[in-house]
Amino acid sequence: MTHERFLTVPSSGEAARPFAILCDEAEAALPPGFPADVSQVLVALDIDGTILTPAGATERVLEGIHGLSAAGAQVVIATGRALEGVTPVLEVLDFTDGWALCNNGATLVRVRGGDCEIVEEHTFVPGPVLAEIAGALPEAVFASMPHPDTLLSAPFPNNEIEGTDRRVVSMEELASTPTPKVVVREPGMDRDHFESVLASLAVARTHEVFVGWTSWADIEPKGVTKASGLEELRVRLDVPGDGTVAVGDGTNDIAMIQWAAFGVAMGGASAEVRSHARHVTAAVENDGAAAVMHALMHRCGVTGGRRAELS
């Protein structure tokens, strides 16, 4: 695929390095006690900036996901996207069986035979949050994600909010409807100023606030992160803690990178995100996440990694 199909993180501009070297570096960085039994491994993968480029997913990413899954590892898609924005990505990945953690850990989804079922969800009533942020950012637009609807205060720029059931509603309806996540977007403000304004508000202390790569923020209930959702899932699946892996690039990935026995930051991640990682792999356009998955396959004796010929 050479044309853009997905609105996602742009290329980092990182210089490419041989894939086999990236795999070797990832394997060398694994913790000493990491299990060799692939059935004791859980791999959490962020989407945007990690396994998805604007053109889609690469062959190496697909080989890693399907190779690990077929061998018995638990591969979990862990994303800030709502389920409506995850579904088209699952189709591209041909991810028909497994687990997806949506809305930054608020929504746990079982994927079975290509169908998605919400198993558990943490919601909140966003009225006070919306009132405070609207007062500080009067030009901001808001979205709320009560599945299967997507409620908007106004249209988002460039159709950034995905889903077919998008409706512009009153702020009153937006404020009173329980939701797993609220999105705040201020397209007229640069990212750093946007982040500083949000950090100065009470919402930064009463809720989880994750600022993206633009003036976009996800607001979640306090204590709900990708790490909290993954820990609940790890216990449910009876996977040992020392077999956990998390790969991501954004501030919303920091919690799961810290949580995992092997926390990995992408090459396109900020210095802040990198500082929390045990290992830094290549950027998404250079198959950094794929290198980690192929390294895990090699570590666990899973055939099909094809590291040598993919160098």
C-alpha atoms as a PDB file:
ATOM      1  CA  MET A   1       0.000   0.000   0.000  1.00  0.00           C
ATOM      2  CA  THR A   2       1.461   3.337  -0.995  1.00  0.00           C
ATOM      3  CA  HIS A   3      -1.455   5.733  -0.570  1.00  0.00           C
ATOM      4  CA  GLU A   4      -2.743   7.071   2.731  1.00  0.00           C
ATOM      5  CA  ARG A   5      -5.720   5.183   4.120  1.00  0.00           C
ATOM      6  CA  PHE A   6      -5.615   6.107   7.806  1.00  0.00           C
ATOM      7  CA  LEU A   7      -5.480   9.340   9.745  1.00  0.00           C
ATOM      8  CA  THR A   8      -2.656   8.477  12.116  1.00  0.00           C
ATOM      9  CA  VAL A   9       0.764   9.599  13.325  1.00  0.00           C
ATOM     10  CA  PRO A  10       2.928  10.922  10.454  1.00  0.00           C
ATOM     11  CA  SER A  11       6.402   9.588   9.697  1.00  0.00           C
ATOM     12  CA  SER A  12       9.093  10.486  12.234  1.00  0.00           C
ATOM     13  CA  GLY A  13      11.798  10.900   9.593  1.00  0.00           C
ATOM     14  CA  GLU A  14      13.983   8.328  11.331  1.00  0.00           C
ATOM     15  CA  ALA A  15      16.717   6.711   9.190  1.00  0.00           C
ATOM     16  CA  ALA A  16      16.109   3.037   8.480  1.00  0.00           C
ATOM     17  CA  ARG A  17      18.365   0.304   9.896  1.00  0.00           C
ATOM     18  CA  PRO A  18      18.571  -3.410   9.010  1.00  0.00           C
ATOM     19  CA  PHE A  19      15.576  -5.258  10.419  1.00  0.00           C
ATOM     20  CA  ALA A  20      17.679  -8.180  11.678  1.00  0.00           C
ATOM     21  CA  ILE A  21      19.727  -5.787  13.812  1.00  0.00           C
ATOM     22  CA  LEU A  22      16.554  -4.304  15.308  1.00  0.00           C
ATOM     23  CA  CYS A  23      15.383  -7.829  16.181  1.00  0.00           C
ATOM     24  CA  ASP A  24      18.716  -8.721  17.796  1.00  0.00           C
ATOM     25  CA  GLU A  25      18.696  -5.523  19.864  1.00  0.00           C
ATOM     26  CA  ALA A  26      15.165  -6.187  21.092  1.00  0.00           C
ATOM     27  CA  GLU A  27      15.961  -9.764  22.057  1.00  0.00           C
ATOM     28  CA  ALA A  28      19.118  -8.680  23.885  1.00  0.00           C
ATOM     29  CA  ALA A  29      17.067  -6.169  25.884  1.00  0.00           C
ATOM     30  CA  LEU A  30      14.575  -8.768  27.185  1.00  0.00           C
ATOM     31  CA  PRO A  31      14.610  -9.181  30.987  1.00  0.00           C
ATOM     32  CA  PRO A  32      16.666 -12.168  32.193  1.00  0.00           C
ATOM     33  CA  GLY A  33      13.585 -13.942  33.568  1.00  0.00           C
ATOM     34  CA  PHE A  34      11.411 -13.508  30.493  1.00  0.00           C
ATOM     35  CA  PRO A  35       9.616 -16.823  29.797  1.00  0.00           C
ATOM     36  CA  ALA A  36      10.600 -19.049  26.879  1.00  0.00           C
ATOM     37  CA  ASP A  37       7.083 -20.549  26.825  1.00  0.00           C
ATOM     38  CA  VAL A  38       5.085 -18.438  24.368  1.00  0.00           C
ATOM     39  CA  SER A  39       1.812 -19.367  26.120  1.00  0.00           C
ATOM     40  CA  GLN A  40       3.026 -17.309  29.099  1.00  0.00           C
ATOM     41  CA  VAL A  41       3.449 -14.159  27.002  1.00  0.00           C
ATOM     42  CA  LEU A  42       1.039 -11.223  26.645  1.00  0.00           C
ATOM     43  CA  VAL A  43       1.944  -8.556  24.084  1.00  0.00           C
ATOM     44  CA  ALA A  44       0.072  -5.233  24.208  1.00  0.00           C
ATOM     45  CA  LEU A  45       0.348  -3.155  21.034  1.00  0.00           C
ATOM     46  CA  ASP A  46      -0.670   0.450  20.617  1.00  0.00           C
ATOM     47  CA  ILE A  47      -2.096   1.297  17.182  1.00  0.00           C
ATOM     48  CA  ASP A  48      -1.217   4.819  16.056  1.00  0.00           C
ATOM     49  CA  GLY A  49       2.511   5.395  15.755  1.00  0.00           C
ATOM     50  CA  THR A  50       3.202   1.762  16.712  1.00  0.00           C
ATOM     51  CA  ILE A  51       1.683  -0.772  14.296  1.00  0.00           C
ATOM     52  CA  LEU A  52      -0.238   1.508  11.925  1.00  0.00           C
ATOM     53  CA  THR A  53       1.150   3.924   9.344  1.00  0.00           C
ATOM     54  CA  PRO A  54      -1.009   6.170   7.154  1.00  0.00           C
ATOM     55  CA  ALA A  55      -0.757   3.429   4.498  1.00  0.00           C
ATOM     56  CA  GLY A  56      -1.831   0.635   6.872  1.00  0.00           C
ATOM     57  CA  ALA A  57       0.100  -2.221   8.485  1.00  0.00           C
ATOM     58  CA  THR A  58       3.255  -3.727   7.014  1.00  0.00           C
ATOM     59  CA  GLU A  59       3.831  -7.391   6.199  1.00  0.00           C
ATOM     60  CA  ARG A  60       6.293  -7.672   9.078  1.00  0.00           C
ATOM     61  CA  VAL A  61       3.721  -6.362  11.564  1.00  0.00           C
ATOM     62  CA  LEU A  62       1.135  -8.828  10.286  1.00  0.00           C
ATOM     63  CA  GLU A  63       3.641 -11.698  10.514  1.00  0.00           C
ATOM     64  CA  GLY A  64       4.467 -10.766  14.084  1.00  0.00           C
ATOM     65  CA  ILE A  65       0.854 -10.517  15.250  1.00  0.00           C
ATOM     66  CA  HIS A  66      -0.277 -13.708  13.553  1.00  0.00           C
ATOM     67  CA  GLY A  67       2.894 -15.650  14.339  1.00  0.00           C
ATOM     68  CA  LEU A  68       2.640 -14.939  18.056  1.00  0.00           C
ATOM     69  CA  SER A  69      -1.122 -15.484  18.177  1.00  0.00           C
ATOM     70  CA  ALA A  70      -0.964 -18.791  16.319  1.00  0.00           C
ATOM     71  CA  ALA A  71       1.764 -20.009  18.675  1.00  0.00           C
ATOM     72  CA  GLY A  72      -0.347 -19.299  21.762  1.00  0.00           C
ATOM     73  CA  ALA A  73       0.672 -15.829  22.935  1.00  0.00           C
ATOM     74  CA  GLN A  74      -1.985 -13.324  23.957  1.00  0.00           C
ATOM     75  CA  VAL A  75      -1.746 -10.387  21.531  1.00  0.00           C
ATOM     76  CA  VAL A  76      -3.786  -7.415  22.739  1.00  0.00           C
ATOM     77  CA  ILE A  77      -4.550  -4.289  20.735  1.00  0.00           C
ATOM     78  CA  ALA A  78      -4.314  -1.487  23.323  1.00  0.00           C
ATOM     79  CA  THR A  79      -5.386   1.890  22.002  1.00  0.00           C
ATOM     80  CA  GLY A  80      -6.880   5.231  22.826  1.00  0.00           C
ATOM     81  CA  ARG A  81      -9.320   4.817  19.953  1.00  0.00           C
ATOM     82  CA  ALA A  82     -12.962   4.038  20.598  1.00  0.00           C
ATOM     83  CA  LEU A  83     -14.242   0.704  19.309  1.00  0.00           C
ATOM     84  CA  GLU A  84     -15.697   2.413  16.221  1.00  0.00           C
ATOM     85  CA  GLY A  85     -12.194   3.601  15.292  1.00  0.00           C
ATOM     86  CA  VAL A  86     -10.601   0.242  16.090  1.00  0.00           C
ATOM     87  CA  THR A  87     -12.862  -1.918  13.914  1.00  0.00           C
ATOM     88  CA  PRO A  88     -11.390  -0.854  10.536  1.00  0.00           C
ATOM     89  CA  VAL A  89      -7.871  -1.410  11.913  1.00  0.00           C
ATOM     90  CA  LEU A  90      -8.773  -4.922  13.089  1.00  0.00           C
ATOM     91  CA  GLU A  91      -9.956  -5.641   9.550  1.00  0.00           C
ATOM     92  CA  VAL A  92      -6.640  -4.492   8.065  1.00  0.00           C
ATOM     93  CA  LEU A  93      -4.763  -6.604  10.610  1.00  0.00           C
ATOM     94  CA  ASP A  94      -7.067  -9.590   9.947  1.00  0.00           C
ATOM     95  CA  PHE A  95      -7.354  -9.695  13.739  1.00  0.00           C
ATOM     96  CA  THR A  96     -10.385 -11.940  14.104  1.00  0.00           C
ATOM     97  CA  ASP A  97      -9.777 -13.551  17.506  1.00  0.00           C
ATOM     98  CA  GLY A  98      -8.274 -12.048  20.635  1.00  0.00           C
ATOM     99  CA  TRP A  99      -8.658  -8.975  22.795  1.00  0.00           C
ATOM    100  CA  ALA A 100      -8.756  -5.235  22.241  1.00  0.00           C
ATOM    101  CA  LEU A 101      -8.461  -2.611  24.946  1.00  0.00           C
ATOM    102  CA  CYS A 102     -10.093   0.586  23.700  1.00  0.00           C
ATOM    103  CA  ASN A 103     -10.532   4.114  25.075  1.00  0.00           C
ATOM    104  CA  ASN A 104      -7.165   4.000  26.889  1.00  0.00           C
ATOM    105  CA  GLY A 105      -8.149   1.028  29.006  1.00  0.00           C
ATOM    106  CA  ALA A 106     -11.764   1.953  29.738  1.00  0.00           C
ATOM    107  CA  THR A 107     -13.300  -0.566  27.329  1.00  0.00           C
ATOM    108  CA  LEU A 108     -12.344  -4.247  27.165  1.00  0.00           C
ATOM    109  CA  VAL A 109     -13.436  -5.952  23.946  1.00  0.00           C
ATOM    110  CA  ARG A 110     -13.466  -9.668  23.109  1.00  0.00           C
ATOM    111  CA  VAL A 111     -12.877 -10.317  19.423  1.00  0.00           C
ATOM    112  CA  ARG A 112     -14.221 -13.680  18.338  1.00  0.00           C
ATOM    113  CA  GLY A 113     -14.733 -14.788  14.747  1.00  0.00           C
ATOM    114  CA  GLY A 114     -14.375 -11.178  13.637  1.00  0.00           C
ATOM    115  CA  ASP A 115     -17.183  -9.983  15.921  1.00  0.00           C
ATOM    116  CA  CYS A 116     -16.517  -7.539  18.754  1.00  0.00           C
ATOM    117  CA  GLU A 117     -18.228  -7.740  22.139  1.00  0.00           C
ATOM    118  CA  ILE A 118     -17.702  -5.249  24.961  1.00  0.00           C
ATOM    119  CA  VAL A 119     -16.927  -7.345  28.027  1.00  0.00           C
ATOM    120  CA  GLU A 120     -16.316  -4.558  30.528  1.00  0.00           C
ATOM    121  CA  GLU A 121     -16.409  -0.771  30.452  1.00  0.00           C
ATOM    122  CA  HIS A 122     -15.657   2.059  32.892  1.00  0.00           C
ATOM    123  CA  THR A 123     -17.733   5.199  32.328  1.00  0.00           C
ATOM    124  CA  PHE A 124     -18.251   8.614  33.906  1.00  0.00           C
ATOM    125  CA  VAL A 125     -20.677  11.516  33.552  1.00  0.00           C
ATOM    126  CA  PRO A 126     -18.566  14.293  31.983  1.00  0.00           C
ATOM    127  CA  GLY A 127     -20.605  17.389  32.875  1.00  0.00           C
ATOM    128  CA  PRO A 128     -18.159  19.031  35.342  1.00  0.00           C
ATOM    129  CA  VAL A 129     -15.178  18.215  33.101  1.00  0.00           C
ATOM    130  CA  LEU A 130     -16.793  19.749  30.030  1.00  0.00           C
ATOM    131  CA  ALA A 131     -17.802  22.871  31.931  1.00  0.00           C
ATOM    132  CA  GLU A 132     -14.308  23.490  33.265  1.00  0.00           C
ATOM    133  CA  ILE A 133     -12.519  22.864  29.965  1.00  0.00           C
ATOM    134  CA  ALA A 134     -15.025  24.881  27.919  1.00  0.00           C
ATOM    135  CA  GLY A 135     -14.457  27.790  30.271  1.00  0.00           C
ATOM    136  CA  ALA A 136     -10.699  27.680  29.744  1.00  0.00           C
ATOM    137  CA  LEU A 137     -10.801  26.754  26.039  1.00  0.00           C
ATOM    138  CA  PRO A 138     -13.911  28.452  24.606  1.00  0.00           C
ATOM    139  CA  GLU A 139     -13.039  27.486  21.002  1.00  0.00           C
ATOM    140  CA  ALA A 140     -12.555  23.787  21.781  1.00  0.00           C
ATOM    141  CA  VAL A 141     -14.744  21.085  20.287  1.00  0.00           C
ATOM    142  CA  PHE A 142     -15.699  17.967  22.244  1.00  0.00           C
ATOM    143  CA  ALA A 143     -16.582  14.361  21.512  1.00  0.00           C
ATOM    144  CA  SER A 144     -18.013  11.641  23.730  1.00  0.00           C
ATOM    145  CA  MET A 145     -17.928   7.901  22.992  1.00  0.00           C
ATOM    146  CA  PRO A 146     -20.989   6.108  24.480  1.00  0.00           C
ATOM    147  CA  HIS A 147     -20.950   3.012  22.257  1.00  0.00           C
ATOM    148  CA  PRO A 148     -22.264   2.734  19.603  1.00  0.00           C
ATOM    149  CA  ASP A 149     -22.789   6.487  19.327  1.00  0.00           C
ATOM    150  CA  THR A 150     -20.255   9.264  18.908  1.00  0.00           C
ATOM    151  CA  LEU A 151     -21.592  12.546  20.246  1.00  0.00           C
ATOM    152  CA  LEU A 152     -20.003  15.799  19.049  1.00  0.00           C
ATOM    153  CA  SER A 153     -20.352  19.379  20.203  1.00  0.00           C
ATOM    154  CA  ALA A 154     -19.446  20.414  16.623  1.00  0.00           C
ATOM    155  CA  PRO A 155     -17.815  18.742  13.605  1.00  0.00           C
ATOM    156  CA  PHE A 156     -14.130  17.897  14.113  1.00  0.00           C
ATOM    157  CA  PRO A 157     -11.537  19.153  11.611  1.00  0.00           C
ATOM    158  CA  ASN A 158     -10.547  16.766   8.785  1.00  0.00           C
ATOM    159  CA  ASN A 159     -13.100  14.170   9.970  1.00  0.00           C
ATOM    160  CA  GLU A 160     -10.686  13.205  12.746  1.00  0.00           C
ATOM    161  CA  ILE A 161     -13.428  11.395  14.651  1.00  0.00           C
ATOM    162  CA  GLU A 162     -14.227   8.063  13.019  1.00  0.00           C
ATOM    163  CA  GLY A 163     -17.458   6.101  13.099  1.00  0.00           C
ATOM    164  CA  THR A 164     -20.725   6.096  11.195  1.00  0.00           C
ATOM    165  CA  ASP A 165     -22.981   7.028  14.121  1.00  0.00           C
ATOM    166  CA  ARG A 166     -21.644  10.546  14.666  1.00  0.00           C
ATOM    167  CA  ARG A 167     -24.169  13.129  15.867  1.00  0.00           C
ATOM    168  CA  VAL A 168     -23.797  16.789  16.761  1.00  0.00           C
ATOM    169  CA  VAL A 169     -25.755  17.301  19.983  1.00  0.00           C
ATOM    170  CA  SER A 170     -26.243  19.990  22.589  1.00  0.00           C
ATOM    171  CA  MET A 171     -23.682  20.489  25.331  1.00  0.00           C
ATOM    172  CA  GLU A 172     -26.431  19.510  27.759  1.00  0.00           C
ATOM    173  CA  GLU A 173     -26.790  16.071  26.159  1.00  0.00           C
ATOM    174  CA  LEU A 174     -23.030  15.698  25.920  1.00  0.00           C
ATOM    175  CA  ALA A 175     -22.635  16.602  29.593  1.00  0.00           C
ATOM    176  CA  SER A 176     -25.298  14.235  30.920  1.00  0.00           C
ATOM    177  CA  THR A 177     -24.510  11.077  28.915  1.00  0.00           C
ATOM    178  CA  PRO A 178     -22.249   8.503  30.637  1.00  0.00           C
ATOM    179  CA  THR A 179     -19.177   7.773  28.527  1.00  0.00           C
ATOM    180  CA  PRO A 180     -15.866   5.912  28.742  1.00  0.00           C
ATOM    181  CA  LYS A 181     -13.992   8.836  27.176  1.00  0.00           C
ATOM    182  CA  VAL A 182     -14.230  12.501  26.266  1.00  0.00           C
ATOM    183  CA  VAL A 183     -12.067  13.999  23.522  1.00  0.00           C
ATOM    184  CA  VAL A 184     -11.058  17.657  23.575  1.00  0.00           C
ATOM    185  CA  ARG A 185      -9.751  19.289  20.381  1.00  0.00           C
ATOM    186  CA  GLU A 186      -8.580  22.884  19.947  1.00  0.00           C
ATOM    187  CA  PRO A 187      -7.337  23.136  16.344  1.00  0.00           C
ATOM    188  CA  GLY A 188      -6.455  26.820  16.682  1.00  0.00           C
ATOM    189  CA  MET A 189      -3.941  26.265  19.483  1.00  0.00           C
ATOM    190  CA  ASP A 190      -0.469  24.723  19.337  1.00  0.00           C
ATOM    191  CA  ARG A 191       0.039  21.486  21.212  1.00  0.00           C
ATOM    192  CA  ASP A 192       2.338  22.759  23.976  1.00  0.00           C
ATOM    193  CA  HIS A 193       0.055  25.672  24.903  1.00  0.00           C
ATOM    194  CA  PHE A 194      -2.948  23.337  24.810  1.00  0.00           C
ATOM    195  CA  GLU A 195      -1.207  20.878  27.128  1.00  0.00           C
ATOM    196  CA  SER A 196      -0.197  23.619  29.571  1.00  0.00           C
ATOM    197  CA  VAL A 197      -3.757  24.949  29.787  1.00  0.00           C
ATOM    198  CA  LEU A 198      -5.150  21.485  30.550  1.00  0.00           C
ATOM    199  CA  ALA A 199      -2.408  20.853  33.116  1.00  0.00           C
ATOM    200  CA  SER A 200      -3.448  23.990  35.001  1.00  0.00           C
ATOM    201  CA  LEU A 201      -7.047  22.827  35.435  1.00  0.00           C
ATOM    202  CA  ALA A 202      -8.581  20.675  38.167  1.00  0.00           C
ATOM    203  CA  VAL A 203      -9.379  17.986  35.589  1.00  0.00           C
ATOM    204  CA  ALA A 204      -5.666  17.161  35.440  1.00  0.00           C
ATOM    205  CA  ARG A 205      -5.946  16.015  39.073  1.00  0.00           C
ATOM    206  CA  THR A 206      -9.436  14.498  39.090  1.00  0.00           C
ATOM    207  CA  HIS A 207      -9.209  12.538  35.829  1.00  0.00           C
ATOM    208  CA  GLU A 208      -6.672  10.942  33.505  1.00  0.00           C
ATOM    209  CA  VAL A 209      -5.655  13.404  30.770  1.00  0.00           C
ATOM    210  CA  PHE A 210      -3.683  12.175  27.753  1.00  0.00           C
ATOM    211  CA  VAL A 211      -2.519  14.734  25.202  1.00  0.00           C
ATOM    212  CA  GLY A 212      -1.835  13.392  21.705  1.00  0.00           C
ATOM    213  CA  TRP A 213       0.549  14.563  18.985  1.00  0.00           C
ATOM    214  CA  THR A 214      -1.685  17.578  18.207  1.00  0.00           C
ATOM    215  CA  SER A 215      -3.919  19.798  20.343  1.00  0.00           C
ATOM    216  CA  TRP A 216      -6.058  16.768  21.138  1.00  0.00           C
ATOM    217  CA  ALA A 217      -6.639  15.200  24.557  1.00  0.00           C
ATOM    218  CA  ASP A 218      -8.443  12.123  25.826  1.00  0.00           C
ATOM    219  CA  ILE A 219     -10.115  12.415  29.241  1.00  0.00           C
ATOM    220  CA  GLU A 220     -10.746   9.228  31.220  1.00  0.00           C
ATOM    221  CA  PRO A 221     -11.976   8.360  34.726  1.00  0.00           C
ATOM    222  CA  LYS A 222      -9.270   8.649  37.376  1.00  0.00           C
ATOM    223  CA  GLY A 223      -7.190   5.477  37.596  1.00  0.00           C
ATOM    224  CA  VAL A 224      -8.318   4.146  34.208  1.00  0.00           C
ATOM    225  CA  THR A 225      -5.302   3.663  31.952  1.00  0.00           C
ATOM    226  CA  LYS A 226      -4.004   1.101  29.508  1.00  0.00           C
ATOM    227  CA  ALA A 227      -2.028  -0.348  32.431  1.00  0.00           C
ATOM    228  CA  SER A 228      -5.111  -0.817  34.635  1.00  0.00           C
ATOM    229  CA  GLY A 229      -7.022  -2.463  31.799  1.00  0.00           C
ATOM    230  CA  LEU A 230      -4.123  -4.728  30.892  1.00  0.00           C
ATOM    231  CA  GLU A 231      -3.613  -5.807  34.486  1.00  0.00           C
ATOM    232  CA  GLU A 232      -7.283  -6.793  34.738  1.00  0.00           C
ATOM    233  CA  LEU A 233      -6.928  -8.745  31.496  1.00  0.00           C
ATOM    234  CA  ARG A 234      -3.638 -10.368  32.569  1.00  0.00           C
ATOM    235  CA  VAL A 235      -5.329 -11.705  35.698  1.00  0.00           C
ATOM    236  CA  ARG A 236      -8.338 -12.862  33.674  1.00  0.00           C
ATOM    237  CA  LEU A 237      -6.065 -14.770  31.254  1.00  0.00           C
ATOM    238  CA  ASP A 238      -3.722 -16.044  33.997  1.00  0.00           C
ATOM    239  CA  VAL A 239      -0.568 -14.751  32.290  1.00  0.00           C
ATOM    240  CA  PRO A 240       2.446 -14.279  34.594  1.00  0.00           C
ATOM    241  CA  GLY A 241       3.613 -10.729  35.148  1.00  0.00           C
ATOM    242  CA  ASP A 242       7.113 -11.487  33.916  1.00  0.00           C
ATOM    243  CA  GLY A 243       5.701 -12.429  30.502  1.00  0.00           C
ATOM    244  CA  THR A 244       4.103  -9.050  29.799  1.00  0.00           C
ATOM    245  CA  VAL A 245       5.217  -6.804  26.926  1.00  0.00           C
ATOM    246  CA  ALA A 246       3.894  -3.367  25.967  1.00  0.00           C
ATOM    247  CA  VAL A 247       4.874  -1.341  22.899  1.00  0.00           C
ATOM    248  CA  GLY A 248       3.764   2.255  22.344  1.00  0.00           C
ATOM    249  CA  ASP A 249       4.724   5.784  21.419  1.00  0.00           C
ATOM    250  CA  GLY A 250       2.368   8.236  23.147  1.00  0.00           C
ATOM    251  CA  THR A 251       1.866   9.730  26.579  1.00  0.00           C
ATOM    252  CA  ASN A 252      -1.164   7.446  26.973  1.00  0.00           C
ATOM    253  CA  ASP A 253       1.260   4.505  26.599  1.00  0.00           C
ATOM    254  CA  ILE A 254       3.538   5.485  29.498  1.00  0.00           C
ATOM    255  CA  ALA A 255       1.456   3.653  32.104  1.00  0.00           C
ATOM    256  CA  MET A 256       1.485   0.356  30.197  1.00  0.00           C
ATOM    257  CA  ILE A 257       5.187   0.704  29.325  1.00  0.00           C
ATOM    258  CA  GLN A 258       5.886   1.051  33.052  1.00  0.00           C
ATOM    259  CA  TRP A 259       3.511  -1.825  33.864  1.00  0.00           C
ATOM    260  CA  ALA A 260       5.032  -4.380  31.509  1.00  0.00           C
ATOM    261  CA  ALA A 261       8.007  -6.573  32.326  1.00  0.00           C
ATOM    262  CA  PHE A 262       9.333  -5.514  28.921  1.00  0.00           C
ATOM    263  CA  GLY A 263       8.170  -1.975  28.192  1.00  0.00           C
ATOM    264  CA  VAL A 264       9.162  -0.685  24.760  1.00  0.00           C
ATOM    265  CA  ALA A 265       8.981   2.826  23.307  1.00  0.00           C
ATOM    266  CA  MET A 266       8.840   3.411  19.586  1.00  0.00           C
ATOM    267  CA  GLY A 267      11.571   5.371  17.828  1.00  0.00           C
ATOM    268  CA  GLY A 268       9.110   8.162  17.075  1.00  0.00           C
ATOM    269  CA  ALA A 269       8.190   8.589  20.746  1.00  0.00           C
ATOM    270  CA  SER A 270       9.053  11.722  22.710  1.00  0.00           C
ATOM    271  CA  ALA A 271      11.919  11.844  25.177  1.00  0.00           C
ATOM    272  CA  GLU A 272       9.352  11.682  27.991  1.00  0.00           C
ATOM    273  CA  VAL A 273       7.899   8.398  26.737  1.00  0.00           C
ATOM    274  CA  ARG A 274      11.335   6.944  25.995  1.00  0.00           C
ATOM    275  CA  SER A 275      12.496   7.673  29.540  1.00  0.00           C
ATOM    276  CA  HIS A 276       9.997   5.136  30.935  1.00  0.00           C
ATOM    277  CA  ALA A 277      10.954   2.289  28.574  1.00  0.00           C
ATOM    278  CA  ARG A 278      13.303  -0.628  29.088  1.00  0.00           C
ATOM    279  CA  HIS A 279      14.029  -0.609  25.359  1.00  0.00           C
ATOM    280  CA  VAL A 280      13.609   1.855  22.476  1.00  0.00           C
ATOM    281  CA  THR A 281      12.959   0.254  19.100  1.00  0.00           C
ATOM    282  CA  ALA A 282      12.709   1.829  15.644  1.00  0.00           C
ATOM    283  CA  ALA A 283       9.891   4.119  14.523  1.00  0.00           C
ATOM    284  CA  VAL A 284       6.651   2.769  13.079  1.00  0.00           C
ATOM    285  CA  GLU A 285       7.734   3.394   9.470  1.00  0.00           C
ATOM    286  CA  ASN A 286      10.821   1.256  10.144  1.00  0.00           C
ATOM    287  CA  ASP A 287       8.926  -1.677  11.678  1.00  0.00           C
ATOM    288  CA  GLY A 288      10.062  -1.153  15.270  1.00  0.00           C
ATOM    289  CA  ALA A 289       7.090  -2.982  16.772  1.00  0.00           C
ATOM    290  CA  ALA A 290       7.484  -5.805  14.270  1.00  0.00           C
ATOM    291  CA  ALA A 291      11.117  -6.193  15.342  1.00  0.00           C
ATOM    292  CA  VAL A 292      10.002  -6.646  18.953  1.00  0.00           C
ATOM    293  CA  MET A 293       7.434  -9.273  17.957  1.00  0.00           C
ATOM    294  CA  HIS A 294       9.928 -11.164  15.799  1.00  0.00           C
ATOM    295  CA  ALA A 295      12.437 -11.053  18.677  1.00  0.00           C
ATOM    296  CA  LEU A 296       9.816 -12.569  20.990  1.00  0.00           C
ATOM    297  CA  MET A 297       9.120 -15.292  18.456  1.00  0.00           C
ATOM    298  CA  HIS A 298      12.813 -16.125  18.263  1.00  0.00           C
ATOM    299  CA  ARG A 299      13.143 -16.079  22.058  1.00  0.00           C
ATOM    300  CA  CYS A 300      10.217 -18.496  22.411  1.00  0.00           C
ATOM    301  CA  GLY A 301      11.251 -20.767  19.551  1.00  0.00           C
ATOM    302  CA  VAL A 302       8.343 -19.814  17.309  1.00  0.00           C
ATOM    303  CA  THR A 303       9.035 -20.485  13.639  1.00  0.00           C
ATOM    304  CA  GLY A 304       8.105 -18.063  10.898  1.00  0.00           C
ATOM    305  CA  GLY A 305      10.026 -15.005  12.095  1.00  0.00           C
ATOM    306  CA  ARG A 306      12.012 -14.815   8.863  1.00  0.00           C
ATOM    307  CA  ARG A 307      14.477 -12.388  10.441  1.00  0.00           C
ATOM    308  CA  ALA A 308      17.376 -13.124   8.136  1.00  0.00           C
ATOM    309  CA  GLU A 309      15.619 -12.673   4.802  1.00  0.00           C
ATOM    310  CA  LEU A 310      13.801  -9.547   6.048  1.00  0.00           C
ATOM    311  CA  SER A 311      17.055  -7.731   6.825  1.00  0.00           C
END
